[in-house]
């Protein structure tokens, strides 16, 4: 089961205790994957759990018995499509009126007036038209709808909780999405997916630690590479001076540093400094080796 499916399964097990919140969640499901009017209310989904939740919410809160039909999406395909229909005109009119969409599709402000109802509507919109990528790979949560105004209304509800998804068009659909891991965690909390939230947080912690370790290793590797390159150049300069004039050409302090570097090519500046008599600090050794390189460069130019 994908991470997105796990989140939806958790959300589908949440049934609002207040009727007004149940109405908001029903409205979200209808606005996302169905239609409603006085002539009939219906939804269509490939997820049996969503169909069951819609059926249960309508039955529990309106005492309306919906009709359920199942068909294969394509010939010889294992994918099934579940249709839940309220066909009786009186029941359909009653339900559409309560959802605030008896005149057609739409998001009624009365249905989502309270924060609890906003949470329920967002939850219903996600289970019926949302998806969440595997957080091990990337952070991406999105809502899909064919109606721009409905999706814009949904984005307005998330904004009430400080979350502002971007909206784009993809073929005949509109997408509202979030890509920041922290924002996705906040949205899961808004919808009530607390178990999924903890799972996502665990993944984020591990990924952050892994990234931190990788950055440290990369930094250490880069520093080591620079140190090795610098040491190799210093040794080349020392060998050049030795071959042309001999290390005795250098001052006593520079000769001592040159011989220590040549004998211990992998030693750090601090370690070389400890070998000298008297011991010299890292900056002092660096100064001496830099002076040796300057002398080698001058010699190569024929000035010595």
Protein backbone atom coordinates (compact mmCIF):
# COMPACT_ATOMS: atom_id res chain seq x y z
CA UNK A 1 0.00 0.00 0.00
CA UNK A 2 1.34 3.42 -0.98
CA UNK A 3 1.83 6.17 1.58
CA UNK A 4 -1.02 8.11 -0.04
CA UNK A 5 -3.34 5.10 0.33
CA UNK A 6 -2.36 4.73 3.98
CA UNK A 7 -3.27 8.36 4.64
CA UNK A 8 -6.64 7.97 2.92
CA UNK A 9 -7.36 4.75 4.81
CA UNK A 10 -6.72 6.57 8.09
CA UNK A 11 -8.91 9.52 7.09
CA UNK A 12 -11.73 7.26 5.91
CA UNK A 13 -11.94 5.83 9.42
CA UNK A 14 -12.68 9.29 10.85
CA UNK A 15 -16.41 9.92 11.13
CA UNK A 16 -17.44 13.38 12.35
CA UNK A 17 -19.52 13.38 15.52
CA UNK A 18 -21.25 16.65 14.57
CA UNK A 19 -23.80 16.60 11.73
CA UNK A 20 -22.59 19.92 10.31
CA UNK A 21 -19.06 18.51 9.91
CA UNK A 22 -20.45 15.39 8.24
CA UNK A 23 -22.33 17.61 5.78
CA UNK A 24 -19.11 19.46 4.97
CA UNK A 25 -17.27 16.21 4.30
CA UNK A 26 -20.11 14.88 2.12
CA UNK A 27 -20.11 18.16 0.18
CA UNK A 28 -16.35 17.85 -0.43
CA UNK A 29 -16.71 14.31 -1.79
CA UNK A 30 -19.58 15.33 -4.09
CA UNK A 31 -17.75 18.46 -5.28
CA UNK A 32 -14.64 16.42 -6.05
CA UNK A 33 -15.85 13.20 -7.63
CA UNK A 34 -19.58 13.56 -8.11
CA UNK A 35 -22.52 15.83 -8.81
CA UNK A 36 -25.66 16.95 -7.01
CA UNK A 37 -29.01 18.44 -7.91
CA UNK A 38 -32.64 17.96 -6.95
CA UNK A 39 -32.80 15.25 -9.62
CA UNK A 40 -30.08 13.12 -8.06
CA UNK A 41 -26.84 13.01 -6.08
CA UNK A 42 -24.04 10.68 -7.14
CA UNK A 43 -20.34 10.03 -6.72
CA UNK A 44 -17.96 7.82 -8.69
CA UNK A 45 -14.68 6.49 -7.34
CA UNK A 46 -12.21 3.65 -7.80
CA UNK A 47 -11.69 3.44 -4.05
CA UNK A 48 -14.17 1.17 -2.28
CA UNK A 49 -13.36 2.72 1.11
CA UNK A 50 -14.41 6.19 -0.14
CA UNK A 51 -17.64 4.79 -1.56
CA UNK A 52 -18.34 3.10 1.77
CA UNK A 53 -17.67 6.28 3.72
CA UNK A 54 -19.96 8.37 1.51
CA UNK A 55 -22.70 5.73 1.79
CA UNK A 56 -22.30 5.60 5.58
CA UNK A 57 -22.24 9.38 6.07
CA UNK A 58 -25.41 9.85 4.02
CA UNK A 59 -27.19 6.99 5.77
CA UNK A 60 -26.16 8.04 9.28
CA UNK A 61 -26.86 11.76 8.96
CA UNK A 62 -29.84 11.83 6.58
CA UNK A 63 -31.31 8.35 6.94
CA UNK A 64 -31.11 8.03 3.16
CA UNK A 65 -30.43 4.67 1.53
CA UNK A 66 -28.13 5.10 -1.46
CA UNK A 67 -27.83 2.75 -4.41
CA UNK A 68 -24.43 1.22 -5.08
CA UNK A 69 -23.25 -0.16 -8.41
CA UNK A 70 -19.90 -1.68 -9.34
CA UNK A 71 -18.44 -2.07 -12.81
CA UNK A 72 -15.08 -2.75 -14.38
CA UNK A 73 -13.42 0.37 -15.71
CA UNK A 74 -12.25 -1.37 -18.89
CA UNK A 75 -12.90 -4.73 -20.47
CA UNK A 76 -10.80 -7.45 -18.80
CA UNK A 77 -9.50 -4.82 -16.33
CA UNK A 78 -9.28 -5.58 -12.63
CA UNK A 79 -9.87 -1.93 -11.79
CA UNK A 80 -13.37 -1.34 -10.49
CA UNK A 81 -15.47 1.81 -10.40
CA UNK A 82 -17.93 2.30 -7.55
CA UNK A 83 -20.99 4.49 -8.09
CA UNK A 84 -23.07 5.60 -5.13
CA UNK A 85 -26.34 7.22 -6.14
CA UNK A 86 -29.22 8.93 -4.34
CA UNK A 87 -31.82 8.67 -7.07
CA UNK A 88 -35.08 9.38 -5.25
CA UNK A 89 -35.97 13.02 -6.09
CA UNK A 90 -37.15 13.80 -2.56
CA UNK A 91 -34.04 12.36 -0.93
CA UNK A 92 -31.78 13.92 -3.55
CA UNK A 93 -33.41 17.33 -3.10
CA UNK A 94 -33.08 17.06 0.68
CA UNK A 95 -29.43 16.14 0.46
CA UNK A 96 -28.55 18.71 -2.22
CA UNK A 97 -30.25 21.44 -0.19
CA UNK A 98 -28.27 20.50 2.94
CA UNK A 99 -25.05 20.54 0.90
CA UNK A 100 -25.91 23.99 -0.42
CA UNK A 101 -25.59 22.88 -4.05
CA UNK A 102 -29.16 22.17 -5.13
CA UNK A 103 -28.72 24.58 -8.05
CA UNK A 104 -25.56 22.83 -9.27
CA UNK A 105 -21.97 22.38 -8.18
CA UNK A 106 -20.53 24.86 -5.75
CA UNK A 107 -19.01 25.46 -2.32
CA UNK A 108 -21.51 27.01 0.05
CA UNK A 109 -19.98 29.32 2.71
CA UNK A 110 -22.64 28.09 5.14
CA UNK A 111 -21.36 24.52 4.86
CA UNK A 112 -17.81 25.51 5.87
CA UNK A 113 -18.51 28.37 8.29
CA UNK A 114 -16.72 26.80 11.28
CA UNK A 115 -13.08 25.67 11.54
CA UNK A 116 -14.22 22.13 12.32
CA UNK A 117 -16.28 22.09 9.11
CA UNK A 118 -13.34 23.48 7.14
CA UNK A 119 -11.21 20.60 8.43
CA UNK A 120 -13.91 18.09 7.46
CA UNK A 121 -14.26 19.57 3.97
CA UNK A 122 -10.49 19.48 3.39
CA UNK A 123 -10.43 15.87 4.59
CA UNK A 124 -13.24 14.92 2.21
CA UNK A 125 -11.54 16.70 -0.69
CA UNK A 126 -8.30 14.82 -0.05
CA UNK A 127 -9.74 11.32 0.22
CA UNK A 128 -11.79 11.81 -2.96
CA UNK A 129 -9.33 13.77 -5.09
CA UNK A 130 -5.98 14.09 -3.37
CA UNK A 131 -2.66 12.29 -3.38
CA UNK A 132 0.58 12.33 -1.42
CA UNK A 133 3.93 11.17 -2.78
CA UNK A 134 6.24 8.77 -0.97
CA UNK A 135 8.09 11.04 1.50
CA UNK A 136 11.19 8.86 1.15
CA UNK A 137 11.49 10.25 -2.38
CA UNK A 138 9.97 13.73 -2.32
CA UNK A 139 7.44 15.94 -0.56
CA UNK A 140 4.39 16.58 -2.73
CA UNK A 141 0.73 16.73 -1.75
CA UNK A 142 -1.96 17.72 -4.20
CA UNK A 143 -5.72 18.11 -4.65
CA UNK A 144 -7.29 17.58 -8.07
CA UNK A 145 -10.57 18.96 -9.42
CA UNK A 146 -12.01 19.75 -12.84
CA UNK A 147 -13.68 22.90 -11.48
CA UNK A 148 -11.32 25.83 -10.93
CA UNK A 149 -13.69 27.73 -8.63
CA UNK A 150 -14.14 24.71 -6.38
CA UNK A 151 -10.40 24.19 -6.15
CA UNK A 152 -9.84 27.88 -5.46
CA UNK A 153 -12.44 27.65 -2.71
CA UNK A 154 -10.61 24.67 -1.22
CA UNK A 155 -7.33 26.60 -1.31
CA UNK A 156 -9.10 29.38 0.57
CA UNK A 157 -10.06 26.91 3.31
CA UNK A 158 -6.47 25.72 3.71
CA UNK A 159 -5.36 29.37 3.87
CA UNK A 160 -7.47 29.70 7.03
CA UNK A 161 -4.89 27.38 8.63
CA UNK A 162 -1.89 29.26 7.25
CA UNK A 163 -1.38 26.96 4.25
CA UNK A 164 -1.38 28.42 0.75
CA UNK A 165 -1.07 25.82 -2.01
CA UNK A 166 -0.18 26.83 -5.54
CA UNK A 167 -2.75 26.16 -8.27
CA UNK A 168 -1.84 25.05 -11.77
CA UNK A 169 -3.71 23.57 -14.72
CA UNK A 170 -2.85 20.08 -15.98
CA UNK A 171 -4.77 19.20 -19.14
CA UNK A 172 -8.48 19.26 -18.20
CA UNK A 173 -7.84 19.35 -14.44
CA UNK A 174 -6.72 21.92 -11.90
CA UNK A 175 -4.14 21.05 -9.26
CA UNK A 176 -3.57 22.68 -5.87
CA UNK A 177 -0.30 21.45 -4.39
CA UNK A 178 2.12 21.79 -1.49
CA UNK A 179 5.79 20.80 -1.73
CA UNK A 180 7.16 21.85 1.64
CA UNK A 181 7.46 18.97 4.12
CA UNK A 182 6.50 21.11 7.10
CA UNK A 183 3.39 22.43 5.34
CA UNK A 184 2.33 18.89 4.44
CA UNK A 185 2.72 17.84 8.08
CA UNK A 186 0.54 20.80 9.10
CA UNK A 187 -2.13 19.82 6.56
CA UNK A 188 -2.18 16.23 7.79
CA UNK A 189 -2.77 17.62 11.26
CA UNK A 190 -5.62 19.80 9.96
CA UNK A 191 -7.29 16.75 8.39
CA UNK A 192 -6.79 14.62 11.50
CA UNK A 193 -4.32 12.11 10.00
CA UNK A 194 -2.22 11.97 13.16
CA UNK A 195 -0.74 8.50 12.62
CA UNK A 196 0.35 9.38 9.09
CA UNK A 197 1.70 12.66 10.43
CA UNK A 198 3.96 10.80 12.87
CA UNK A 199 5.13 8.43 10.13
CA UNK A 200 5.96 11.38 7.89
CA UNK A 201 7.78 13.16 10.69
CA UNK A 202 9.89 10.04 11.31
CA UNK A 203 10.84 9.96 7.64
CA UNK A 204 11.68 13.68 7.72
CA UNK A 205 13.91 13.23 10.78
CA UNK A 206 15.84 10.36 9.17
CA UNK A 207 16.18 12.25 5.87
CA UNK A 208 17.36 15.41 7.65
CA UNK A 209 19.95 13.41 9.62
CA UNK A 210 21.10 11.63 6.46
CA UNK A 211 21.40 14.92 4.60
CA UNK A 212 23.28 16.48 7.50
CA UNK A 213 25.74 13.59 7.62
CA UNK A 214 26.21 13.74 3.85
CA UNK A 215 26.93 17.47 4.03
CA UNK A 216 29.50 16.89 6.78
CA UNK A 217 31.15 14.06 4.85
CA UNK A 218 31.21 16.12 1.67
CA UNK A 219 32.70 19.05 3.56
CA UNK A 220 35.35 16.85 5.16
CA UNK A 221 36.13 15.26 1.80
CA UNK A 222 36.49 18.67 0.16
CA UNK A 223 38.74 19.90 2.97
CA UNK A 224 40.83 16.74 2.77
CA UNK A 225 41.14 17.12 -0.99
CA UNK A 226 42.31 20.71 -0.58
CA UNK A 227 44.81 19.66 2.09
CA UNK A 228 46.23 16.87 -0.09
CA UNK A 229 46.50 19.18 -3.11
CA UNK A 230 48.25 21.83 -1.05
CA UNK A 231 50.66 19.28 0.44
CA UNK A 232 51.50 17.91 -3.01
CA UNK A 233 52.32 21.39 -4.31
CA UNK A 234 54.43 22.12 -1.25
CA UNK A 235 56.41 18.91 -1.80
CA UNK A 236 56.93 19.74 -5.50
CA UNK A 237 58.23 23.17 -4.50
CA UNK A 238 60.52 21.67 -1.88
CA UNK A 239 61.88 19.07 -4.34
CA UNK A 240 62.46 21.80 -6.92
CA UNK A 241 64.47 23.92 -4.48
CA UNK A 242 66.37 20.83 -3.33
CA UNK A 243 67.26 19.89 -6.90
CA UNK A 244 68.35 23.38 -7.96
CA UNK A 245 70.13 24.84 -4.93
CA UNK A 246 69.70 22.34 -2.12
CA UNK A 247 67.60 22.82 1.00
CA UNK A 248 70.61 24.39 2.72
CA UNK A 249 69.90 27.42 0.54
CA UNK A 250 66.89 28.13 2.75
CA UNK A 251 67.00 29.75 6.17
CA UNK A 252 67.27 27.41 9.14
CA UNK A 253 63.56 27.75 10.00
CA UNK A 254 62.41 27.22 6.41
CA UNK A 255 64.75 24.26 5.91
CA UNK A 256 63.44 22.56 9.05
CA UNK A 257 59.83 23.00 7.88
CA UNK A 258 60.70 21.79 4.36
CA UNK A 259 62.39 18.62 5.61
CA UNK A 260 59.44 17.83 7.94
CA UNK A 261 56.94 18.30 5.12
CA UNK A 262 58.96 16.14 2.71
CA UNK A 263 59.39 13.36 5.26
CA UNK A 264 55.75 13.39 6.38
CA UNK A 265 53.68 14.31 3.29
CA UNK A 266 50.37 13.27 4.87
CA UNK A 267 50.82 15.15 8.14
CA UNK A 268 48.64 18.13 8.94
CA UNK A 269 50.10 21.58 9.54
CA UNK A 270 49.48 21.20 13.25
CA UNK A 271 51.32 17.86 13.30
CA UNK A 272 54.27 19.32 11.38
CA UNK A 273 54.40 22.24 13.79
CA UNK A 274 54.72 19.82 16.71
CA UNK A 275 57.77 18.23 15.05
CA UNK A 276 59.71 21.49 14.88
CA UNK A 277 62.05 22.77 17.54
CA UNK A 278 60.75 24.79 19.16
CA UNK A 279 57.16 23.72 18.25
CA UNK A 280 55.26 26.12 15.99
CA UNK A 281 51.53 26.65 15.64
CA UNK A 282 49.46 25.86 12.54
CA UNK A 283 49.55 29.43 11.22
CA UNK A 284 53.33 29.59 11.72
CA UNK A 285 53.88 26.39 9.70
CA UNK A 286 51.53 27.65 7.00
CA UNK A 287 53.50 30.90 6.80
CA UNK A 288 56.83 29.04 6.40
CA UNK A 289 55.52 26.68 3.72
CA UNK A 290 53.96 29.57 1.82
CA UNK A 291 57.31 31.36 1.95
CA UNK A 292 59.02 28.24 0.56
CA UNK A 293 56.50 28.15 -2.34
CA UNK A 294 57.19 31.82 -3.08
CA UNK A 295 60.93 31.13 -3.21
CA UNK A 296 60.33 28.17 -5.58
CA UNK A 297 58.20 30.36 -7.87
CA UNK A 298 60.91 33.02 -7.94
CA UNK A 299 63.54 30.38 -8.75
CA UNK A 300 61.40 29.04 -11.61
CA UNK A 301 61.23 32.56 -12.98
CA UNK A 302 65.04 32.67 -13.04
CA UNK A 303 65.31 35.46 -10.51
CA UNK A 304 67.36 33.42 -8.00
